Amino acid sequence: MKKLLHPFLFFVSMLILVSLACSSLTGGSAPIKDTVIEDSPVPVIPTNPPPPTQKPADVPLPTATAVPPTVGPQKFFVEEFGTNSDQSNWVYYSLGSGSDSNLSIEPSDDGLLFDLGDENLYVYYIYDVLKYNDTKLTLVAENQGVNNNNVSLVCRFNADEGQWYEYSFESGGVWYLYAYDGGYNVIDNGGSNDLKQGKAVNEYGMTCKDNVITMYINGKMLKSYTDRNYNFGEGQIGFNISSLNVLPVIVNVQSFDIAEP
């Protein structure tokens, strides 16, 4: 004889059977999806970090160094004149029988333009602020007028005593060395084919060292002269533009170089 189950146990058994049946119909329990936890990126520390955008507080900022102004007039330099040049350190003197009432000395685009305006006028343009004993002078000038004038270089110029040395070149190719002592005393002279005649640019050179005076034209030495008579002491330096008996006399002085001999 079979033994009947207890009603409660029978109910539990039936519940388990129903649950198993439902599981078989739905294909079983849903699988559990694995959750992957991604690692956070590791920060990269640069081996050479960029410089700071601000200077550290203990590093002083650089300070500008002021350039000291030039004290006093220059002794050796090249005067190139021109429209922006300062001519306050220069003066002019005029000699000869001509009048300087029509004389014009005006800065040009590339120099200092002399238009003498009268015949037999000798114009001396002198650097007025310093005196020299030994010096080397070089003048570059362009003749823009007639081929009948003189261009000169002057050293040891003393207006009060009326004394100086002057190396003068006529536009025709003849040169003179004067010792001016109240009058023009010719102490040497000669001629040269190295001077460019007519409307041309020439370079005139003169060295005064001790009692020896050396003359040049366009880079070529003409002669050295030793003075044993006048022996002028230190004085100012400059140059001269002279008219003779024909006009117009127009000369553009492009540069004047004052150097050590």
C-alpha atoms as a PDB file:
ATOM      1  CA  MET A   1       0.000   0.000   0.000  1.00  0.00           C
ATOM      2  CA  LYS A   2       1.409   3.353  -1.102  1.00  0.00           C
ATOM      3  CA  LYS A   3       1.956   6.068   1.486  1.00  0.00           C
ATOM      4  CA  LEU A   4       0.446   9.485   0.678  1.00  0.00           C
ATOM      5  CA  LEU A   5       2.568  12.632   0.971  1.00  0.00           C
ATOM      6  CA  HIS A   6       1.812  15.208   3.549  1.00  0.00           C
ATOM      7  CA  PRO A   7      -0.293  17.981   2.060  1.00  0.00           C
ATOM      8  CA  PHE A   8       2.362  20.628   2.856  1.00  0.00           C
ATOM      9  CA  LEU A   9       5.177  18.559   1.402  1.00  0.00           C
ATOM     10  CA  PHE A  10       3.022  17.875  -1.561  1.00  0.00           C
ATOM     11  CA  PHE A  11       2.544  21.581  -2.093  1.00  0.00           C
ATOM     12  CA  VAL A  12       6.308  22.260  -1.884  1.00  0.00           C
ATOM     13  CA  SER A  13       7.030  19.464  -4.296  1.00  0.00           C
ATOM     14  CA  MET A  14       4.593  20.818  -6.797  1.00  0.00           C
ATOM     15  CA  LEU A  15       6.101  24.281  -6.534  1.00  0.00           C
ATOM     16  CA  ILE A  16       9.578  22.922  -7.288  1.00  0.00           C
ATOM     17  CA  LEU A  17       8.303  21.003 -10.296  1.00  0.00           C
ATOM     18  CA  VAL A  18       6.577  24.097 -11.711  1.00  0.00           C
ATOM     19  CA  SER A  19       9.746  26.124 -11.270  1.00  0.00           C
ATOM     20  CA  LEU A  20      11.848  23.511 -13.082  1.00  0.00           C
ATOM     21  CA  ALA A  21       9.343  23.381 -15.880  1.00  0.00           C
ATOM     22  CA  CYS A  22       9.463  27.165 -16.330  1.00  0.00           C
ATOM     23  CA  SER A  23      13.247  27.098 -16.412  1.00  0.00           C
ATOM     24  CA  SER A  24      13.278  24.494 -19.144  1.00  0.00           C
ATOM     25  CA  LEU A  25      10.816  26.483 -21.229  1.00  0.00           C
ATOM     26  CA  THR A  26      12.776  29.831 -21.023  1.00  0.00           C
ATOM     27  CA  GLY A  27      16.174  28.288 -21.688  1.00  0.00           C
ATOM     28  CA  GLY A  28      17.454  28.618 -18.135  1.00  0.00           C
ATOM     29  CA  SER A  29      18.726  31.598 -16.224  1.00  0.00           C
ATOM     30  CA  ALA A  30      20.161  34.613 -18.174  1.00  0.00           C
ATOM     31  CA  PRO A  31      23.976  34.616 -18.204  1.00  0.00           C
ATOM     32  CA  ILE A  32      25.734  37.196 -16.097  1.00  0.00           C
ATOM     33  CA  LYS A  33      27.661  39.634 -18.221  1.00  0.00           C
ATOM     34  CA  ASP A  34      31.224  40.263 -17.123  1.00  0.00           C
ATOM     35  CA  THR A  35      31.913  43.954 -16.360  1.00  0.00           C
ATOM     36  CA  VAL A  36      35.323  45.133 -17.475  1.00  0.00           C
ATOM     37  CA  ILE A  37      36.782  47.999 -15.450  1.00  0.00           C
ATOM     38  CA  GLU A  38      39.066  50.002 -17.674  1.00  0.00           C
ATOM     39  CA  ASP A  39      42.234  51.268 -16.067  1.00  0.00           C
ATOM     40  CA  SER A  40      42.694  55.091 -15.931  1.00  0.00           C
ATOM     41  CA  PRO A  41      45.606  56.331 -18.124  1.00  0.00           C
ATOM     42  CA  VAL A  42      48.856  56.867 -16.284  1.00  0.00           C
ATOM     43  CA  PRO A  43      49.948  60.530 -16.634  1.00  0.00           C
ATOM     44  CA  VAL A  44      53.199  61.015 -18.565  1.00  0.00           C
ATOM     45  CA  ILE A  45      55.728  63.140 -16.726  1.00  0.00           C
ATOM     46  CA  PRO A  46      57.959  64.954 -19.260  1.00  0.00           C
ATOM     47  CA  THR A  47      61.664  64.549 -18.750  1.00  0.00           C
ATOM     48  CA  ASN A  48      62.276  68.164 -19.840  1.00  0.00           C
ATOM     49  CA  PRO A  49      59.458  70.269 -18.422  1.00  0.00           C
ATOM     50  CA  PRO A  50      58.698  73.531 -20.257  1.00  0.00           C
ATOM     51  CA  PRO A  51      60.125  76.702 -18.772  1.00  0.00           C
ATOM     52  CA  PRO A  52      57.906  78.674 -16.461  1.00  0.00           C
ATOM     53  CA  THR A  53      55.912  81.474 -18.032  1.00  0.00           C
ATOM     54  CA  GLN A  54      57.097  83.908 -15.381  1.00  0.00           C
ATOM     55  CA  LYS A  55      60.553  84.580 -14.056  1.00  0.00           C
ATOM     56  CA  PRO A  56      61.108  83.475 -10.459  1.00  0.00           C
ATOM     57  CA  ALA A  57      60.703  86.296  -8.028  1.00  0.00           C
ATOM     58  CA  ASP A  58      64.352  86.169  -6.984  1.00  0.00           C
ATOM     59  CA  VAL A  59      65.747  86.686 -10.533  1.00  0.00           C
ATOM     60  CA  PRO A  60      66.130  90.416 -11.285  1.00  0.00           C
ATOM     61  CA  LEU A  61      64.995  91.682 -14.672  1.00  0.00           C
ATOM     62  CA  PRO A  62      67.739  93.023 -16.981  1.00  0.00           C
ATOM     63  CA  THR A  63      68.209  96.760 -16.989  1.00  0.00           C
ATOM     64  CA  ALA A  64      69.089  98.884 -20.042  1.00  0.00           C
ATOM     65  CA  THR A  65      72.566 100.382 -20.114  1.00  0.00           C
ATOM     66  CA  ALA A  66      72.615 103.947 -21.334  1.00  0.00           C
ATOM     67  CA  VAL A  67      75.248 104.821 -23.951  1.00  0.00           C
ATOM     68  CA  PRO A  68      77.241 107.783 -22.666  1.00  0.00           C
ATOM     69  CA  PRO A  69      77.047 110.826 -24.930  1.00  0.00           C
ATOM     70  CA  THR A  70      80.082 111.870 -26.910  1.00  0.00           C
ATOM     71  CA  VAL A  71      82.059 114.330 -24.867  1.00  0.00           C
ATOM     72  CA  GLY A  72      83.471 117.255 -26.823  1.00  0.00           C
ATOM     73  CA  PRO A  73      84.137 117.539 -30.560  1.00  0.00           C
ATOM     74  CA  GLN A  74      85.569 114.657 -32.540  1.00  0.00           C
ATOM     75  CA  LYS A  75      89.242 114.833 -33.434  1.00  0.00           C
ATOM     76  CA  PHE A  76      89.518 112.221 -36.177  1.00  0.00           C
ATOM     77  CA  PHE A  77      86.465 111.537 -38.329  1.00  0.00           C
ATOM     78  CA  VAL A  78      84.993 111.721 -41.818  1.00  0.00           C
ATOM     79  CA  GLU A  79      82.724 114.691 -42.483  1.00  0.00           C
ATOM     80  CA  GLU A  80      80.289 113.700 -45.234  1.00  0.00           C
ATOM     81  CA  PHE A  81      78.264 116.931 -45.085  1.00  0.00           C
ATOM     82  CA  GLY A  82      74.863 116.423 -46.792  1.00  0.00           C
ATOM     83  CA  THR A  83      71.474 117.935 -45.985  1.00  0.00           C
ATOM     84  CA  ASN A  84      71.348 116.570 -42.412  1.00  0.00           C
ATOM     85  CA  SER A  85      74.907 117.442 -41.390  1.00  0.00           C
ATOM     86  CA  ASP A  86      75.717 119.814 -38.552  1.00  0.00           C
ATOM     87  CA  GLN A  87      78.013 122.635 -39.668  1.00  0.00           C
ATOM     88  CA  SER A  88      78.112 124.477 -36.348  1.00  0.00           C
ATOM     89  CA  ASN A  89      81.788 123.525 -35.813  1.00  0.00           C
ATOM     90  CA  TRP A  90      82.874 125.038 -39.132  1.00  0.00           C
ATOM     91  CA  VAL A  91      83.599 128.628 -40.152  1.00  0.00           C
ATOM     92  CA  TYR A  92      84.700 130.218 -43.400  1.00  0.00           C
ATOM     93  CA  TYR A  93      87.147 132.989 -44.259  1.00  0.00           C
ATOM     94  CA  SER A  94      87.402 134.813 -47.573  1.00  0.00           C
ATOM     95  CA  LEU A  95      90.484 136.334 -49.177  1.00  0.00           C
ATOM     96  CA  GLY A  96      91.277 137.738 -52.608  1.00  0.00           C
ATOM     97  CA  SER A  97      89.953 140.738 -54.457  1.00  0.00           C
ATOM     98  CA  GLY A  98      86.540 139.213 -55.061  1.00  0.00           C
ATOM     99  CA  SER A  99      83.465 139.845 -52.904  1.00  0.00           C
ATOM    100  CA  ASP A 100      81.690 137.129 -50.921  1.00  0.00           C
ATOM    101  CA  SER A 101      78.327 138.955 -51.139  1.00  0.00           C
ATOM    102  CA  ASN A 102      77.101 136.404 -53.677  1.00  0.00           C
ATOM    103  CA  LEU A 103      78.852 133.443 -52.082  1.00  0.00           C
ATOM    104  CA  SER A 104      76.612 130.428 -51.465  1.00  0.00           C
ATOM    105  CA  ILE A 105      77.567 127.469 -49.250  1.00  0.00           C
ATOM    106  CA  GLU A 106      74.637 125.071 -49.024  1.00  0.00           C
ATOM    107  CA  PRO A 107      74.253 121.407 -48.057  1.00  0.00           C
ATOM    108  CA  SER A 108      73.391 119.191 -51.033  1.00  0.00           C
ATOM    109  CA  ASP A 109      72.053 115.647 -51.265  1.00  0.00           C
ATOM    110  CA  ASP A 110      75.609 114.279 -51.288  1.00  0.00           C
ATOM    111  CA  GLY A 111      77.849 117.030 -49.965  1.00  0.00           C
ATOM    112  CA  LEU A 112      78.391 120.743 -49.439  1.00  0.00           C
ATOM    113  CA  LEU A 113      77.903 122.900 -52.532  1.00  0.00           C
ATOM    114  CA  PHE A 114      80.084 125.967 -53.036  1.00  0.00           C
ATOM    115  CA  ASP A 115      78.994 128.583 -55.575  1.00  0.00           C
ATOM    116  CA  LEU A 116      81.507 131.393 -55.264  1.00  0.00           C
ATOM    117  CA  GLY A 117      79.593 134.044 -57.223  1.00  0.00           C
ATOM    118  CA  ASP A 118      82.594 136.260 -57.980  1.00  0.00           C
ATOM    119  CA  GLU A 119      86.026 136.121 -59.580  1.00  0.00           C
ATOM    120  CA  ASN A 120      89.286 136.027 -57.614  1.00  0.00           C
ATOM    121  CA  LEU A 121      87.591 134.891 -54.410  1.00  0.00           C
ATOM    122  CA  TYR A 122      89.404 132.450 -52.105  1.00  0.00           C
ATOM    123  CA  VAL A 123      87.095 130.737 -49.602  1.00  0.00           C
ATOM    124  CA  TYR A 124      88.603 128.809 -46.665  1.00  0.00           C
ATOM    125  CA  TYR A 125      86.310 126.360 -44.838  1.00  0.00           C
ATOM    126  CA  ILE A 126      87.897 125.628 -41.449  1.00  0.00           C
ATOM    127  CA  TYR A 127      87.139 123.127 -38.668  1.00  0.00           C
ATOM    128  CA  ASP A 128      87.011 125.666 -35.888  1.00  0.00           C
ATOM    129  CA  VAL A 129      86.989 123.704 -32.611  1.00  0.00           C
ATOM    130  CA  LEU A 130      90.325 121.868 -32.507  1.00  0.00           C
ATOM    131  CA  LYS A 131      93.949 122.408 -33.366  1.00  0.00           C
ATOM    132  CA  TYR A 132      96.304 119.795 -34.780  1.00  0.00           C
ATOM    133  CA  ASN A 133     100.032 119.384 -35.190  1.00  0.00           C
ATOM    134  CA  ASP A 134     100.264 116.162 -37.225  1.00  0.00           C
ATOM    135  CA  THR A 135      97.331 115.088 -39.374  1.00  0.00           C
ATOM    136  CA  LYS A 136      96.300 113.481 -42.659  1.00  0.00           C
ATOM    137  CA  LEU A 137      93.597 115.173 -44.741  1.00  0.00           C
ATOM    138  CA  THR A 138      91.615 113.741 -47.651  1.00  0.00           C
ATOM    139  CA  LEU A 139      89.067 115.734 -49.634  1.00  0.00           C
ATOM    140  CA  VAL A 140      86.676 114.343 -52.284  1.00  0.00           C
ATOM    141  CA  ALA A 141      85.171 117.057 -54.476  1.00  0.00           C
ATOM    142  CA  GLU A 142      83.254 117.272 -57.750  1.00  0.00           C
ATOM    143  CA  ASN A 143      83.726 120.195 -60.149  1.00  0.00           C
ATOM    144  CA  GLN A 144      80.309 121.284 -61.458  1.00  0.00           C
ATOM    145  CA  GLY A 145      81.318 124.593 -63.024  1.00  0.00           C
ATOM    146  CA  VAL A 146      84.022 125.842 -65.363  1.00  0.00           C
ATOM    147  CA  ASN A 147      87.369 124.083 -65.592  1.00  0.00           C
ATOM    148  CA  ASN A 148      89.147 127.076 -64.106  1.00  0.00           C
ATOM    149  CA  ASN A 149      89.396 126.979 -60.302  1.00  0.00           C
ATOM    150  CA  ASN A 150      91.571 125.857 -57.423  1.00  0.00           C
ATOM    151  CA  VAL A 151      90.904 123.245 -54.748  1.00  0.00           C
ATOM    152  CA  SER A 152      93.222 123.269 -51.732  1.00  0.00           C
ATOM    153  CA  LEU A 153      93.932 121.497 -48.440  1.00  0.00           C
ATOM    154  CA  VAL A 154      95.110 123.465 -45.408  1.00  0.00           C
ATOM    155  CA  CYS A 155      96.950 122.423 -42.235  1.00  0.00           C
ATOM    156  CA  ARG A 156      98.312 124.374 -39.218  1.00  0.00           C
ATOM    157  CA  PHE A 157      95.938 127.206 -39.988  1.00  0.00           C
ATOM    158  CA  ASN A 158      96.225 130.183 -37.606  1.00  0.00           C
ATOM    159  CA  ALA A 159      94.003 133.065 -38.659  1.00  0.00           C
ATOM    160  CA  ASP A 160      95.243 135.396 -35.921  1.00  0.00           C
ATOM    161  CA  GLU A 161      98.884 135.006 -36.946  1.00  0.00           C
ATOM    162  CA  GLY A 162      98.040 134.766 -40.651  1.00  0.00           C
ATOM    163  CA  GLN A 163     100.002 131.511 -41.086  1.00  0.00           C
ATOM    164  CA  TRP A 164      99.302 128.093 -42.618  1.00  0.00           C
ATOM    165  CA  TYR A 165     100.449 125.471 -45.115  1.00  0.00           C
ATOM    166  CA  GLU A 166      98.324 125.104 -48.254  1.00  0.00           C
ATOM    167  CA  TYR A 167      98.480 122.441 -50.977  1.00  0.00           C
ATOM    168  CA  SER A 168      96.553 123.835 -53.953  1.00  0.00           C
ATOM    169  CA  PHE A 169      95.609 122.147 -57.233  1.00  0.00           C
ATOM    170  CA  GLU A 170      94.536 124.105 -60.301  1.00  0.00           C
ATOM    171  CA  SER A 171      91.890 122.451 -62.460  1.00  0.00           C
ATOM    172  CA  GLY A 172      94.378 122.457 -65.370  1.00  0.00           C
ATOM    173  CA  GLY A 173      96.751 120.001 -63.609  1.00  0.00           C
ATOM    174  CA  VAL A 174      99.303 122.302 -61.941  1.00  0.00           C
ATOM    175  CA  TRP A 175      99.788 122.174 -58.164  1.00  0.00           C
ATOM    176  CA  TYR A 176     101.418 124.477 -55.617  1.00  0.00           C
ATOM    177  CA  LEU A 177     102.548 124.169 -52.012  1.00  0.00           C
ATOM    178  CA  TYR A 178     102.305 127.468 -50.177  1.00  0.00           C
ATOM    179  CA  ALA A 179     103.569 128.642 -46.811  1.00  0.00           C
ATOM    180  CA  TYR A 180     101.169 131.493 -46.177  1.00  0.00           C
ATOM    181  CA  ASP A 181     102.751 134.074 -43.889  1.00  0.00           C
ATOM    182  CA  GLY A 182     100.942 137.304 -44.594  1.00  0.00           C
ATOM    183  CA  GLY A 183     101.182 136.373 -48.279  1.00  0.00           C
ATOM    184  CA  TYR A 184     101.339 133.315 -50.545  1.00  0.00           C
ATOM    185  CA  ASN A 185     104.904 132.009 -50.572  1.00  0.00           C
ATOM    186  CA  VAL A 186     105.440 129.176 -53.091  1.00  0.00           C
ATOM    187  CA  ILE A 187     107.737 126.603 -51.468  1.00  0.00           C
ATOM    188  CA  ASP A 188     107.164 123.830 -54.042  1.00  0.00           C
ATOM    189  CA  ASN A 189     105.137 123.175 -57.185  1.00  0.00           C
ATOM    190  CA  GLY A 190     104.708 120.770 -60.078  1.00  0.00           C
ATOM    191  CA  GLY A 191     102.175 119.179 -62.412  1.00  0.00           C
ATOM    192  CA  SER A 192     100.285 115.912 -62.719  1.00  0.00           C
ATOM    193  CA  ASN A 193      98.226 114.069 -65.308  1.00  0.00           C
ATOM    194  CA  ASP A 194      96.441 112.158 -62.548  1.00  0.00           C
ATOM    195  CA  LEU A 195      93.996 115.000 -61.945  1.00  0.00           C
ATOM    196  CA  LYS A 196      90.666 114.466 -63.726  1.00  0.00           C
ATOM    197  CA  GLN A 197      89.876 117.676 -65.547  1.00  0.00           C
ATOM    198  CA  GLY A 198      86.495 119.130 -66.397  1.00  0.00           C
ATOM    199  CA  LYS A 199      83.325 118.173 -64.576  1.00  0.00           C
ATOM    200  CA  ALA A 200      84.739 115.259 -62.613  1.00  0.00           C
ATOM    201  CA  VAL A 201      85.329 113.952 -59.085  1.00  0.00           C
ATOM    202  CA  ASN A 202      88.850 114.091 -57.632  1.00  0.00           C
ATOM    203  CA  GLU A 203      90.412 113.031 -54.347  1.00  0.00           C
ATOM    204  CA  TYR A 204      93.016 115.374 -52.857  1.00  0.00           C
ATOM    205  CA  GLY A 205      95.336 114.238 -50.044  1.00  0.00           C
ATOM    206  CA  MET A 206      97.798 115.980 -47.736  1.00  0.00           C
ATOM    207  CA  THR A 207      99.837 114.772 -44.753  1.00  0.00           C
ATOM    208  CA  CYS A 208     101.461 117.162 -42.281  1.00  0.00           C
ATOM    209  CA  LYS A 209     103.855 115.324 -39.975  1.00  0.00           C
ATOM    210  CA  ASP A 210     106.584 117.144 -38.094  1.00  0.00           C
ATOM    211  CA  ASN A 211     108.071 119.442 -40.745  1.00  0.00           C
ATOM    212  CA  VAL A 212     107.329 117.114 -43.695  1.00  0.00           C
ATOM    213  CA  ILE A 213     104.390 117.774 -45.983  1.00  0.00           C
ATOM    214  CA  THR A 214     103.323 115.046 -48.418  1.00  0.00           C
ATOM    215  CA  MET A 215     100.840 115.622 -51.257  1.00  0.00           C
ATOM    216  CA  TYR A 216      98.550 113.179 -53.110  1.00  0.00           C
ATOM    217  CA  ILE A 217      96.085 113.221 -55.978  1.00  0.00           C
ATOM    218  CA  ASN A 218      93.578 110.402 -56.533  1.00  0.00           C
ATOM    219  CA  GLY A 219      95.544 108.073 -54.268  1.00  0.00           C
ATOM    220  CA  LYS A 220      98.930 108.692 -55.886  1.00  0.00           C
ATOM    221  CA  MET A 221     101.707 110.463 -54.036  1.00  0.00           C
ATOM    222  CA  LEU A 222     103.053 113.520 -55.799  1.00  0.00           C
ATOM    223  CA  LYS A 223     105.891 114.600 -53.530  1.00  0.00           C
ATOM    224  CA  SER A 224     107.113 115.055 -49.959  1.00  0.00           C
ATOM    225  CA  TYR A 225     108.533 118.410 -48.961  1.00  0.00           C
ATOM    226  CA  THR A 226     110.574 119.180 -45.834  1.00  0.00           C
ATOM    227  CA  ASP A 227     110.112 122.721 -44.541  1.00  0.00           C
ATOM    228  CA  ARG A 228     113.178 124.185 -42.856  1.00  0.00           C
ATOM    229  CA  ASN A 229     112.193 127.844 -43.040  1.00  0.00           C
ATOM    230  CA  TYR A 230     108.700 128.502 -41.654  1.00  0.00           C
ATOM    231  CA  ASN A 231     108.189 125.677 -39.156  1.00  0.00           C
ATOM    232  CA  PHE A 232     104.573 126.547 -38.373  1.00  0.00           C
ATOM    233  CA  GLY A 233     103.240 125.119 -35.125  1.00  0.00           C
ATOM    234  CA  GLU A 234      99.876 123.474 -34.488  1.00  0.00           C
ATOM    235  CA  GLY A 235      96.779 124.976 -35.969  1.00  0.00           C
ATOM    236  CA  GLN A 236      93.374 124.245 -37.410  1.00  0.00           C
ATOM    237  CA  ILE A 237      92.671 122.250 -40.565  1.00  0.00           C
ATOM    238  CA  GLY A 238      90.333 122.725 -43.508  1.00  0.00           C
ATOM    239  CA  PHE A 239      90.105 123.227 -47.245  1.00  0.00           C
ATOM    240  CA  ASN A 240      89.786 125.994 -49.816  1.00  0.00           C
ATOM    241  CA  ILE A 241      87.760 126.611 -52.989  1.00  0.00           C
ATOM    242  CA  SER A 242      89.027 129.476 -55.141  1.00  0.00           C
ATOM    243  CA  SER A 243      87.819 131.205 -58.281  1.00  0.00           C
ATOM    244  CA  LEU A 244      90.179 132.780 -60.787  1.00  0.00           C
ATOM    245  CA  ASN A 245      88.969 134.908 -63.679  1.00  0.00           C
ATOM    246  CA  VAL A 246      86.105 132.817 -65.076  1.00  0.00           C
ATOM    247  CA  LEU A 247      82.665 131.973 -63.674  1.00  0.00           C
ATOM    248  CA  PRO A 248      80.705 130.039 -62.581  1.00  0.00           C
ATOM    249  CA  VAL A 249      82.887 128.292 -60.045  1.00  0.00           C
ATOM    250  CA  ILE A 250      80.708 125.571 -58.498  1.00  0.00           C
ATOM    251  CA  VAL A 251      82.261 122.724 -56.496  1.00  0.00           C
ATOM    252  CA  ASN A 252      80.421 120.058 -54.488  1.00  0.00           C
ATOM    253  CA  VAL A 253      82.560 118.818 -51.576  1.00  0.00           C
ATOM    254  CA  GLN A 254      81.429 115.242 -50.920  1.00  0.00           C
ATOM    255  CA  SER A 255      83.617 114.346 -47.923  1.00  0.00           C
ATOM    256  CA  PHE A 256      86.498 115.540 -45.787  1.00  0.00           C
ATOM    257  CA  ASP A 257      88.511 112.969 -43.841  1.00  0.00           C
ATOM    258  CA  ILE A 258      90.593 114.005 -40.826  1.00  0.00           C
ATOM    259  CA  ALA A 259      92.903 111.179 -39.730  1.00  0.00           C
ATOM    260  CA  GLU A 260      96.153 110.433 -37.956  1.00  0.00           C
ATOM    261  CA  PRO A 261      99.147 110.492 -40.316  1.00  0.00           C
END
